């Protein structure tokens, strides 16, 4: 993404006010969380608060994302409720921790869930009509659709706005970094 993504750009600008240069390495989500456990790494970002794993501490919100339902143009899908959405196949990212209301439906109707490993796979399956709807951040999905030349995806419904936090690995030096970021965010 341009400038490594809007949220990274925002965090970078915040840290720059204190003369701190942000260095980012990109990995698939599950791998990023594992790599962040190693010495030499501060943590991972951006994460929804429920994605902050044991051994990490969440910052205050640095940015915000949305969770929304996306569908193909001319799919005929109409929004009635989240429960009704799961009467048909729904695409999700397999290693994301979705909010509780979505997680409950995934558990109750696993046969109607198509788990994908990442956003690009989710986009391709949705575009190919392998399922009628997908739940993810619409901004990311529509960015990827534009980049990949996919023009048949639209947002059906925004479900909620979610905080994006930095998950700091619990170590004395990182907890000092967390305190500094919290101070910067208050300003």
C-alpha atoms as a PDB file:
ATOM      1  CA  UNK A   1       0.000   0.000   0.000  1.00  0.00           C
ATOM      2  CA  UNK A   2       1.100   3.574  -0.538  1.00  0.00           C
ATOM      3  CA  UNK A   3       3.245   4.756   2.391  1.00  0.00           C
ATOM      4  CA  UNK A   4       2.962   1.188   3.779  1.00  0.00           C
ATOM      5  CA  UNK A   5      -0.689   1.839   4.612  1.00  0.00           C
ATOM      6  CA  UNK A   6      -2.569   4.693   6.240  1.00  0.00           C
ATOM      7  CA  UNK A   7      -2.268   3.345   9.783  1.00  0.00           C
ATOM      8  CA  UNK A   8       1.493   2.776   9.499  1.00  0.00           C
ATOM      9  CA  UNK A   9       1.840   6.280   8.065  1.00  0.00           C
ATOM     10  CA  UNK A  10      -0.133   7.719  10.992  1.00  0.00           C
ATOM     11  CA  UNK A  11       1.971   5.841  13.586  1.00  0.00           C
ATOM     12  CA  UNK A  12       5.159   6.883  11.805  1.00  0.00           C
ATOM     13  CA  UNK A  13       4.103  10.559  11.914  1.00  0.00           C
ATOM     14  CA  UNK A  14       3.208  10.342  15.623  1.00  0.00           C
ATOM     15  CA  UNK A  15       6.576   8.811  16.510  1.00  0.00           C
ATOM     16  CA  UNK A  16       8.441  11.320  14.339  1.00  0.00           C
ATOM     17  CA  UNK A  17       7.250  14.106  16.681  1.00  0.00           C
ATOM     18  CA  UNK A  18       9.624  12.592  19.274  1.00  0.00           C
ATOM     19  CA  UNK A  19      12.417  11.945  16.771  1.00  0.00           C
ATOM     20  CA  UNK A  20      11.670   8.217  16.549  1.00  0.00           C
ATOM     21  CA  UNK A  21      11.982   6.424  13.203  1.00  0.00           C
ATOM     22  CA  UNK A  22       9.539   3.550  12.728  1.00  0.00           C
ATOM     23  CA  UNK A  23      10.925   0.477  10.968  1.00  0.00           C
ATOM     24  CA  UNK A  24       8.286  -1.950   9.694  1.00  0.00           C
ATOM     25  CA  UNK A  25       8.634  -5.492   8.381  1.00  0.00           C
ATOM     26  CA  UNK A  26       5.624  -7.022   6.657  1.00  0.00           C
ATOM     27  CA  UNK A  27       4.580 -10.653   7.183  1.00  0.00           C
ATOM     28  CA  UNK A  28       1.347 -12.598   6.792  1.00  0.00           C
ATOM     29  CA  UNK A  29      -0.760 -11.956   9.899  1.00  0.00           C
ATOM     30  CA  UNK A  30      -0.126 -15.197  11.833  1.00  0.00           C
ATOM     31  CA  UNK A  31       3.598 -15.031  11.075  1.00  0.00           C
ATOM     32  CA  UNK A  32       3.767 -11.359  12.135  1.00  0.00           C
ATOM     33  CA  UNK A  33       2.357 -12.296  15.527  1.00  0.00           C
ATOM     34  CA  UNK A  34       4.938 -15.072  15.933  1.00  0.00           C
ATOM     35  CA  UNK A  35       7.898 -12.979  14.748  1.00  0.00           C
ATOM     36  CA  UNK A  36       6.893 -10.217  17.193  1.00  0.00           C
ATOM     37  CA  UNK A  37       7.586 -12.622  20.095  1.00  0.00           C
ATOM     38  CA  UNK A  38      11.309 -12.585  19.272  1.00  0.00           C
ATOM     39  CA  UNK A  39      13.905 -10.347  20.898  1.00  0.00           C
ATOM     40  CA  UNK A  40      14.572  -7.283  18.792  1.00  0.00           C
ATOM     41  CA  UNK A  41      10.910  -6.761  17.903  1.00  0.00           C
ATOM     42  CA  UNK A  42       8.670  -4.268  19.645  1.00  0.00           C
ATOM     43  CA  UNK A  43       5.382  -5.877  18.644  1.00  0.00           C
ATOM     44  CA  UNK A  44       2.868  -5.902  15.825  1.00  0.00           C
ATOM     45  CA  UNK A  45       0.525  -3.346  14.314  1.00  0.00           C
ATOM     46  CA  UNK A  46      -2.231  -2.701  13.332  1.00  0.00           C
ATOM     47  CA  UNK A  47      -4.273  -5.033  15.517  1.00  0.00           C
ATOM     48  CA  UNK A  48      -7.829  -5.023  16.733  1.00  0.00           C
ATOM     49  CA  UNK A  49      -7.855  -5.147  20.561  1.00  0.00           C
ATOM     50  CA  UNK A  50      -9.098  -8.764  20.548  1.00  0.00           C
ATOM     51  CA  UNK A  51      -6.085  -9.729  18.423  1.00  0.00           C
ATOM     52  CA  UNK A  52      -3.590  -8.753  21.124  1.00  0.00           C
ATOM     53  CA  UNK A  53      -2.140 -12.123  22.164  1.00  0.00           C
ATOM     54  CA  UNK A  54      -0.994 -13.292  25.568  1.00  0.00           C
ATOM     55  CA  UNK A  55       2.463 -11.889  26.258  1.00  0.00           C
ATOM     56  CA  UNK A  56       1.572  -8.550  24.638  1.00  0.00           C
ATOM     57  CA  UNK A  57      -0.023  -5.339  25.902  1.00  0.00           C
ATOM     58  CA  UNK A  58      -2.267  -3.128  23.762  1.00  0.00           C
ATOM     59  CA  UNK A  59      -1.713   0.582  23.304  1.00  0.00           C
ATOM     60  CA  UNK A  60      -4.550   3.061  23.168  1.00  0.00           C
ATOM     61  CA  UNK A  61      -6.073   3.378  19.691  1.00  0.00           C
ATOM     62  CA  UNK A  62      -3.635   4.737  17.124  1.00  0.00           C
ATOM     63  CA  UNK A  63      -6.115   4.593  14.260  1.00  0.00           C
ATOM     64  CA  UNK A  64      -9.496   3.112  13.373  1.00  0.00           C
ATOM     65  CA  UNK A  65     -10.750   0.560  10.887  1.00  0.00           C
ATOM     66  CA  UNK A  66     -14.172  -0.716   9.976  1.00  0.00           C
ATOM     67  CA  UNK A  67     -15.576  -4.191   9.826  1.00  0.00           C
ATOM     68  CA  UNK A  68     -18.031  -4.523   7.019  1.00  0.00           C
ATOM     69  CA  UNK A  69     -19.875  -6.916   4.793  1.00  0.00           C
ATOM     70  CA  UNK A  70     -18.817  -6.908   1.153  1.00  0.00           C
ATOM     71  CA  UNK A  71     -20.537  -8.538  -1.784  1.00  0.00           C
ATOM     72  CA  UNK A  72     -20.368  -8.692  -5.571  1.00  0.00           C
ATOM     73  CA  UNK A  73     -22.221  -6.186  -7.666  1.00  0.00           C
ATOM     74  CA  UNK A  74     -25.524  -7.626  -8.868  1.00  0.00           C
ATOM     75  CA  UNK A  75     -25.384 -10.481  -6.333  1.00  0.00           C
ATOM     76  CA  UNK A  76     -28.920  -9.692  -5.285  1.00  0.00           C
ATOM     77  CA  UNK A  77     -27.845  -9.875  -1.642  1.00  0.00           C
ATOM     78  CA  UNK A  78     -29.838  -7.524   0.592  1.00  0.00           C
ATOM     79  CA  UNK A  79     -28.926  -6.646   4.155  1.00  0.00           C
ATOM     80  CA  UNK A  80     -31.413  -7.868   6.742  1.00  0.00           C
ATOM     81  CA  UNK A  81     -29.255  -9.052   9.659  1.00  0.00           C
ATOM     82  CA  UNK A  82     -25.932 -10.632  10.526  1.00  0.00           C
ATOM     83  CA  UNK A  83     -27.707 -13.883  11.412  1.00  0.00           C
ATOM     84  CA  UNK A  84     -29.424 -14.009   8.006  1.00  0.00           C
ATOM     85  CA  UNK A  85     -26.066 -13.484   6.291  1.00  0.00           C
ATOM     86  CA  UNK A  86     -24.863 -16.802   7.719  1.00  0.00           C
ATOM     87  CA  UNK A  87     -27.767 -18.683   6.091  1.00  0.00           C
ATOM     88  CA  UNK A  88     -25.454 -18.728   3.046  1.00  0.00           C
ATOM     89  CA  UNK A  89     -21.692 -19.160   2.681  1.00  0.00           C
ATOM     90  CA  UNK A  90     -19.661 -16.255   4.147  1.00  0.00           C
ATOM     91  CA  UNK A  91     -15.969 -15.610   3.449  1.00  0.00           C
ATOM     92  CA  UNK A  92     -13.703 -14.747   6.383  1.00  0.00           C
ATOM     93  CA  UNK A  93      -9.965 -14.468   7.054  1.00  0.00           C
ATOM     94  CA  UNK A  94      -9.080 -17.650   8.934  1.00  0.00           C
ATOM     95  CA  UNK A  95      -6.578 -16.184  11.377  1.00  0.00           C
ATOM     96  CA  UNK A  96      -8.437 -12.957  12.267  1.00  0.00           C
ATOM     97  CA  UNK A  97     -10.185 -12.774  15.618  1.00  0.00           C
ATOM     98  CA  UNK A  98     -13.574 -11.376  14.741  1.00  0.00           C
ATOM     99  CA  UNK A  99     -15.864  -9.602  17.221  1.00  0.00           C
ATOM    100  CA  UNK A 100     -17.940 -11.845  19.476  1.00  0.00           C
ATOM    101  CA  UNK A 101     -21.224 -11.542  17.549  1.00  0.00           C
ATOM    102  CA  UNK A 102     -19.517 -12.760  14.366  1.00  0.00           C
ATOM    103  CA  UNK A 103     -17.456 -15.409  16.203  1.00  0.00           C
ATOM    104  CA  UNK A 104     -20.645 -16.889  17.708  1.00  0.00           C
ATOM    105  CA  UNK A 105     -22.205 -17.260  14.250  1.00  0.00           C
ATOM    106  CA  UNK A 106     -19.008 -18.838  12.893  1.00  0.00           C
ATOM    107  CA  UNK A 107     -19.149 -21.384  15.712  1.00  0.00           C
ATOM    108  CA  UNK A 108     -22.893 -22.008  15.279  1.00  0.00           C
ATOM    109  CA  UNK A 109     -22.754 -22.360  11.482  1.00  0.00           C
ATOM    110  CA  UNK A 110     -19.240 -23.574  10.536  1.00  0.00           C
ATOM    111  CA  UNK A 111     -20.616 -25.253   7.398  1.00  0.00           C
ATOM    112  CA  UNK A 112     -21.503 -21.773   6.086  1.00  0.00           C
ATOM    113  CA  UNK A 113     -18.027 -20.313   6.613  1.00  0.00           C
ATOM    114  CA  UNK A 114     -15.330 -20.298   3.949  1.00  0.00           C
ATOM    115  CA  UNK A 115     -12.062 -19.468   5.732  1.00  0.00           C
ATOM    116  CA  UNK A 116      -9.379 -17.874   3.549  1.00  0.00           C
ATOM    117  CA  UNK A 117      -5.723 -17.311   4.475  1.00  0.00           C
ATOM    118  CA  UNK A 118      -5.554 -13.605   3.574  1.00  0.00           C
ATOM    119  CA  UNK A 119      -7.329 -10.584   2.104  1.00  0.00           C
ATOM    120  CA  UNK A 120      -6.212 -11.264  -1.466  1.00  0.00           C
ATOM    121  CA  UNK A 121      -7.612 -14.794  -1.396  1.00  0.00           C
ATOM    122  CA  UNK A 122     -10.836 -13.456   0.123  1.00  0.00           C
ATOM    123  CA  UNK A 123     -11.087 -10.873  -2.667  1.00  0.00           C
ATOM    124  CA  UNK A 124     -10.512 -13.429  -5.426  1.00  0.00           C
ATOM    125  CA  UNK A 125     -13.089 -15.870  -4.026  1.00  0.00           C
ATOM    126  CA  UNK A 126     -15.677 -13.131  -3.520  1.00  0.00           C
ATOM    127  CA  UNK A 127     -15.084 -11.739  -6.998  1.00  0.00           C
ATOM    128  CA  UNK A 128     -15.468 -15.263  -8.451  1.00  0.00           C
ATOM    129  CA  UNK A 129     -18.755 -15.615  -6.495  1.00  0.00           C
ATOM    130  CA  UNK A 130     -17.551 -18.581  -4.433  1.00  0.00           C
ATOM    131  CA  UNK A 131     -19.657 -17.040  -1.666  1.00  0.00           C
ATOM    132  CA  UNK A 132     -22.163 -14.171  -1.603  1.00  0.00           C
ATOM    133  CA  UNK A 133     -20.530 -12.127   1.148  1.00  0.00           C
ATOM    134  CA  UNK A 134     -17.271 -11.533   2.962  1.00  0.00           C
ATOM    135  CA  UNK A 135     -16.573  -9.864   6.301  1.00  0.00           C
ATOM    136  CA  UNK A 136     -13.425  -7.760   6.632  1.00  0.00           C
ATOM    137  CA  UNK A 137     -12.197  -4.158   6.537  1.00  0.00           C
ATOM    138  CA  UNK A 138     -13.837  -2.622   3.429  1.00  0.00           C
ATOM    139  CA  UNK A 139     -11.033  -0.074   2.972  1.00  0.00           C
ATOM    140  CA  UNK A 140      -8.434  -2.822   2.638  1.00  0.00           C
ATOM    141  CA  UNK A 141     -10.631  -4.971   0.406  1.00  0.00           C
ATOM    142  CA  UNK A 142     -11.538  -2.117  -1.935  1.00  0.00           C
ATOM    143  CA  UNK A 143      -7.893  -1.006  -2.111  1.00  0.00           C
ATOM    144  CA  UNK A 144      -6.874  -4.542  -3.133  1.00  0.00           C
ATOM    145  CA  UNK A 145      -9.751  -4.726  -5.615  1.00  0.00           C
ATOM    146  CA  UNK A 146      -8.553  -1.523  -7.264  1.00  0.00           C
ATOM    147  CA  UNK A 147      -4.927  -2.724  -7.304  1.00  0.00           C
ATOM    148  CA  UNK A 148      -5.919  -6.111  -8.781  1.00  0.00           C
ATOM    149  CA  UNK A 149      -8.299  -4.635 -11.356  1.00  0.00           C
ATOM    150  CA  UNK A 150     -11.358  -6.207  -9.711  1.00  0.00           C
ATOM    151  CA  UNK A 151     -14.367  -3.973 -10.295  1.00  0.00           C
ATOM    152  CA  UNK A 152     -17.305  -6.074  -9.116  1.00  0.00           C
ATOM    153  CA  UNK A 153     -16.992  -5.658  -5.308  1.00  0.00           C
ATOM    154  CA  UNK A 154     -19.028  -3.295  -3.147  1.00  0.00           C
ATOM    155  CA  UNK A 155     -19.637  -2.650   0.538  1.00  0.00           C
ATOM    156  CA  UNK A 156     -23.055  -3.895   1.598  1.00  0.00           C
ATOM    157  CA  UNK A 157     -23.025  -2.857   5.271  1.00  0.00           C
ATOM    158  CA  UNK A 158     -20.597  -1.362   7.798  1.00  0.00           C
ATOM    159  CA  UNK A 159     -20.981  -3.398  10.990  1.00  0.00           C
ATOM    160  CA  UNK A 160     -18.736  -1.446  13.332  1.00  0.00           C
ATOM    161  CA  UNK A 161     -15.772   0.827  13.718  1.00  0.00           C
ATOM    162  CA  UNK A 162     -12.789  -0.851  15.425  1.00  0.00           C
ATOM    163  CA  UNK A 163      -9.767   0.551  17.216  1.00  0.00           C
ATOM    164  CA  UNK A 164      -6.358  -0.285  15.790  1.00  0.00           C
ATOM    165  CA  UNK A 165      -3.722  -0.682  18.493  1.00  0.00           C
ATOM    166  CA  UNK A 166      -0.047  -1.550  18.741  1.00  0.00           C
ATOM    167  CA  UNK A 167       0.499  -4.898  20.471  1.00  0.00           C
ATOM    168  CA  UNK A 168       3.718  -4.381  22.463  1.00  0.00           C
ATOM    169  CA  UNK A 169       5.669  -7.507  23.446  1.00  0.00           C
ATOM    170  CA  UNK A 170       5.870  -7.588  27.237  1.00  0.00           C
ATOM    171  CA  UNK A 171       9.433  -6.674  28.121  1.00  0.00           C
ATOM    172  CA  UNK A 172      10.782  -3.849  30.295  1.00  0.00           C
ATOM    173  CA  UNK A 173      12.096  -1.819  27.331  1.00  0.00           C
ATOM    174  CA  UNK A 174       8.891  -2.298  25.330  1.00  0.00           C
ATOM    175  CA  UNK A 175       6.695  -1.296  28.260  1.00  0.00           C
ATOM    176  CA  UNK A 176       8.690   1.978  28.388  1.00  0.00           C
ATOM    177  CA  UNK A 177       7.975   2.379  24.670  1.00  0.00           C
ATOM    178  CA  UNK A 178       4.298   1.737  25.344  1.00  0.00           C
ATOM    179  CA  UNK A 179       4.266   4.465  28.009  1.00  0.00           C
ATOM    180  CA  UNK A 180       5.897   6.889  25.571  1.00  0.00           C
ATOM    181  CA  UNK A 181       3.362   6.090  22.834  1.00  0.00           C
ATOM    182  CA  UNK A 182       0.487   6.535  25.300  1.00  0.00           C
ATOM    183  CA  UNK A 183       1.923   9.955  26.200  1.00  0.00           C
ATOM    184  CA  UNK A 184       2.173  10.906  22.508  1.00  0.00           C
ATOM    185  CA  UNK A 185      -1.400   9.749  21.836  1.00  0.00           C
ATOM    186  CA  UNK A 186      -2.727  11.893  24.711  1.00  0.00           C
ATOM    187  CA  UNK A 187      -1.215  14.964  23.065  1.00  0.00           C
END
